[in-house]
N, C-alpha and C. Protein backbone atom coordinates (compact mmCIF):
# COMPACT_ATOMS: atom_id res chain seq x y z
N MET A 1 146.12 28.09 232.21
CA MET A 1 146.93 27.98 233.40
C MET A 1 147.37 29.39 233.79
N LYS A 2 147.17 29.73 235.02
CA LYS A 2 147.59 31.04 235.51
C LYS A 2 149.05 30.98 235.94
N THR A 3 149.79 32.00 235.51
CA THR A 3 151.20 32.10 235.86
C THR A 3 151.54 33.56 236.07
N THR A 4 152.33 33.82 237.08
CA THR A 4 152.79 35.19 237.30
C THR A 4 154.20 35.31 236.75
N VAL A 5 154.39 36.31 235.88
CA VAL A 5 155.69 36.49 235.23
C VAL A 5 156.04 37.97 235.26
N ASP A 6 157.28 38.26 235.55
CA ASP A 6 157.75 39.64 235.55
C ASP A 6 158.40 39.91 234.19
N ILE A 7 157.67 40.60 233.32
CA ILE A 7 158.14 40.90 231.97
C ILE A 7 158.50 42.38 231.93
N PRO A 8 159.70 42.72 231.48
CA PRO A 8 160.08 44.13 231.38
C PRO A 8 159.06 44.92 230.53
N ASP A 9 158.71 46.10 230.99
CA ASP A 9 157.69 46.91 230.31
C ASP A 9 158.03 47.19 228.85
N THR A 10 159.29 47.47 228.57
CA THR A 10 159.66 47.77 227.17
C THR A 10 159.47 46.56 226.28
N GLU A 11 159.81 45.38 226.79
CA GLU A 11 159.65 44.17 225.98
C GLU A 11 158.18 43.86 225.75
N LEU A 12 157.37 44.02 226.78
CA LEU A 12 155.94 43.77 226.64
C LEU A 12 155.31 44.79 225.69
N SER A 13 155.72 46.03 225.77
CA SER A 13 155.21 47.06 224.85
C SER A 13 155.55 46.71 223.41
N ASP A 14 156.78 46.27 223.19
CA ASP A 14 157.18 45.87 221.84
C ASP A 14 156.37 44.67 221.37
N ALA A 15 156.15 43.69 222.25
CA ALA A 15 155.37 42.51 221.88
C ALA A 15 153.95 42.90 221.49
N ILE A 16 153.36 43.82 222.23
CA ILE A 16 152.01 44.29 221.91
C ILE A 16 152.01 44.99 220.56
N ARG A 17 153.01 45.82 220.34
CA ARG A 17 153.10 46.56 219.07
C ARG A 17 153.33 45.61 217.89
N PHE A 18 154.27 44.69 218.03
CA PHE A 18 154.61 43.78 216.92
C PHE A 18 153.48 42.80 216.61
N THR A 19 152.78 42.34 217.62
CA THR A 19 151.72 41.36 217.39
C THR A 19 150.39 42.01 217.03
N GLY A 20 150.25 43.30 217.33
CA GLY A 20 148.99 43.97 217.09
C GLY A 20 147.92 43.55 218.10
N ALA A 21 148.36 43.02 219.22
CA ALA A 21 147.44 42.53 220.25
C ALA A 21 146.74 43.69 220.94
N LYS A 22 145.54 43.38 221.41
CA LYS A 22 144.77 44.38 222.14
C LYS A 22 144.97 44.27 223.65
N THR A 23 145.47 43.11 224.10
CA THR A 23 145.70 42.91 225.54
C THR A 23 147.10 42.34 225.75
N LYS A 24 147.58 42.45 226.98
CA LYS A 24 148.88 41.88 227.33
C LYS A 24 148.85 40.37 227.15
N ARG A 25 147.76 39.76 227.61
CA ARG A 25 147.63 38.30 227.50
C ARG A 25 147.70 37.85 226.04
N GLU A 26 146.98 38.55 225.17
CA GLU A 26 146.98 38.21 223.75
C GLU A 26 148.39 38.33 223.16
N ALA A 27 149.12 39.35 223.57
CA ALA A 27 150.48 39.55 223.07
C ALA A 27 151.39 38.40 223.51
N VAL A 28 151.28 38.01 224.77
CA VAL A 28 152.13 36.93 225.29
C VAL A 28 151.78 35.61 224.62
N VAL A 29 150.49 35.31 224.49
CA VAL A 29 150.07 34.05 223.86
C VAL A 29 150.52 34.02 222.39
N THR A 30 150.36 35.13 221.70
CA THR A 30 150.78 35.21 220.30
C THR A 30 152.29 35.02 220.17
N ALA A 31 153.05 35.66 221.05
CA ALA A 31 154.51 35.53 221.00
C ALA A 31 154.94 34.10 221.28
N ILE A 32 154.32 33.45 222.25
CA ILE A 32 154.67 32.06 222.57
C ILE A 32 154.29 31.14 221.42
N THR A 33 153.11 31.35 220.85
CA THR A 33 152.67 30.54 219.72
C THR A 33 153.62 30.67 218.54
N ASP A 34 154.02 31.90 218.24
CA ASP A 34 154.95 32.14 217.14
C ASP A 34 156.31 31.51 217.42
N PHE A 35 156.79 31.64 218.65
CA PHE A 35 158.06 31.04 219.03
C PHE A 35 158.01 29.52 218.83
N ASN A 36 156.94 28.89 219.31
CA ASN A 36 156.81 27.44 219.18
C ASN A 36 156.74 27.01 217.72
N ARG A 37 156.02 27.78 216.89
CA ARG A 37 155.94 27.46 215.46
C ARG A 37 157.32 27.52 214.82
N ARG A 38 158.08 28.54 215.15
CA ARG A 38 159.43 28.68 214.59
C ARG A 38 160.35 27.54 215.04
N GLN A 39 160.21 27.12 216.28
CA GLN A 39 161.03 26.02 216.78
C GLN A 39 160.68 24.71 216.07
N ARG A 40 159.37 24.48 215.85
CA ARG A 40 158.96 23.27 215.11
C ARG A 40 159.53 23.28 213.70
N MET A 41 159.48 24.46 213.05
CA MET A 41 160.03 24.57 211.69
C MET A 41 161.53 24.31 211.70
N ALA A 42 162.23 24.83 212.69
CA ALA A 42 163.67 24.61 212.80
C ALA A 42 163.98 23.12 212.98
N GLU A 43 163.16 22.43 213.74
CA GLU A 43 163.36 20.99 213.92
C GLU A 43 163.15 20.24 212.61
N LEU A 44 162.19 20.68 211.80
CA LEU A 44 161.92 20.01 210.54
C LEU A 44 163.05 20.19 209.53
N THR A 45 163.77 21.30 209.60
CA THR A 45 164.82 21.54 208.62
C THR A 45 165.96 20.53 208.71
N GLN A 46 166.10 19.87 209.84
CA GLN A 46 167.16 18.87 209.95
C GLN A 46 166.89 17.67 209.04
N TYR A 47 165.64 17.52 208.59
CA TYR A 47 165.29 16.41 207.71
C TYR A 47 165.34 16.79 206.23
N ALA A 48 165.60 18.05 205.93
CA ALA A 48 165.63 18.51 204.55
C ALA A 48 166.68 17.75 203.76
N GLY A 49 166.25 17.23 202.63
CA GLY A 49 167.16 16.52 201.74
C GLY A 49 167.50 15.12 202.17
N THR A 50 166.77 14.55 203.11
CA THR A 50 167.10 13.21 203.59
C THR A 50 166.19 12.13 203.03
N CYS A 51 165.25 12.48 202.17
CA CYS A 51 164.34 11.48 201.61
C CYS A 51 164.83 11.06 200.23
N ALA A 52 165.26 9.82 200.11
CA ALA A 52 165.82 9.32 198.86
C ALA A 52 164.74 9.08 197.81
N ASP A 53 163.47 9.01 198.21
CA ASP A 53 162.39 8.71 197.28
C ASP A 53 161.91 9.92 196.48
N LEU A 54 162.34 11.13 196.83
CA LEU A 54 161.92 12.31 196.10
C LEU A 54 162.80 12.51 194.87
N ILE A 55 162.19 13.06 193.81
CA ILE A 55 162.97 13.31 192.60
C ILE A 55 163.65 14.67 192.70
N THR A 56 164.71 14.82 191.93
CA THR A 56 165.44 16.07 191.93
C THR A 56 164.73 17.10 191.04
N VAL A 57 165.16 18.32 191.11
CA VAL A 57 164.57 19.38 190.29
C VAL A 57 164.77 19.07 188.82
N SER A 58 165.96 18.62 188.45
CA SER A 58 166.22 18.31 187.03
C SER A 58 165.36 17.14 186.56
N GLU A 59 165.13 16.16 187.40
CA GLU A 59 164.26 15.03 187.04
C GLU A 59 162.82 15.52 186.84
N LEU A 60 162.37 16.41 187.70
CA LEU A 60 161.02 16.96 187.59
C LEU A 60 160.87 17.75 186.30
N GLN A 61 161.88 18.54 185.96
CA GLN A 61 161.82 19.32 184.72
C GLN A 61 161.79 18.41 183.50
N ALA A 62 162.54 17.33 183.54
CA ALA A 62 162.54 16.37 182.42
C ALA A 62 161.17 15.74 182.26
N VAL A 63 160.54 15.38 183.34
CA VAL A 63 159.20 14.79 183.29
C VAL A 63 158.21 15.79 182.72
N ARG A 64 158.33 17.04 183.11
CA ARG A 64 157.41 18.08 182.62
C ARG A 64 157.61 18.33 181.12
N ARG A 65 158.87 18.24 180.65
CA ARG A 65 159.14 18.46 179.23
C ARG A 65 158.52 17.36 178.37
N LYS A 66 158.50 16.14 178.89
CA LYS A 66 157.95 15.01 178.14
C LYS A 66 156.44 15.14 177.98
N GLY A 67 155.80 15.87 178.88
CA GLY A 67 154.38 16.15 178.74
C GLY A 67 153.57 15.32 179.60
């Protein structure tokens, strides 16, 4: 999808440098992809520790000790 966006030169330069991109497009796509990945991970953290079926660390260690 083509979109026209006014991105400040300093921010775009930093994005190119940080991503190691060879083109402006690659830098923007990489930055958006990384942003979306981080947002998905942040959404998943709300479920951390909510599964009652998982064993605790101490239970896992006890099972491992038994062999």
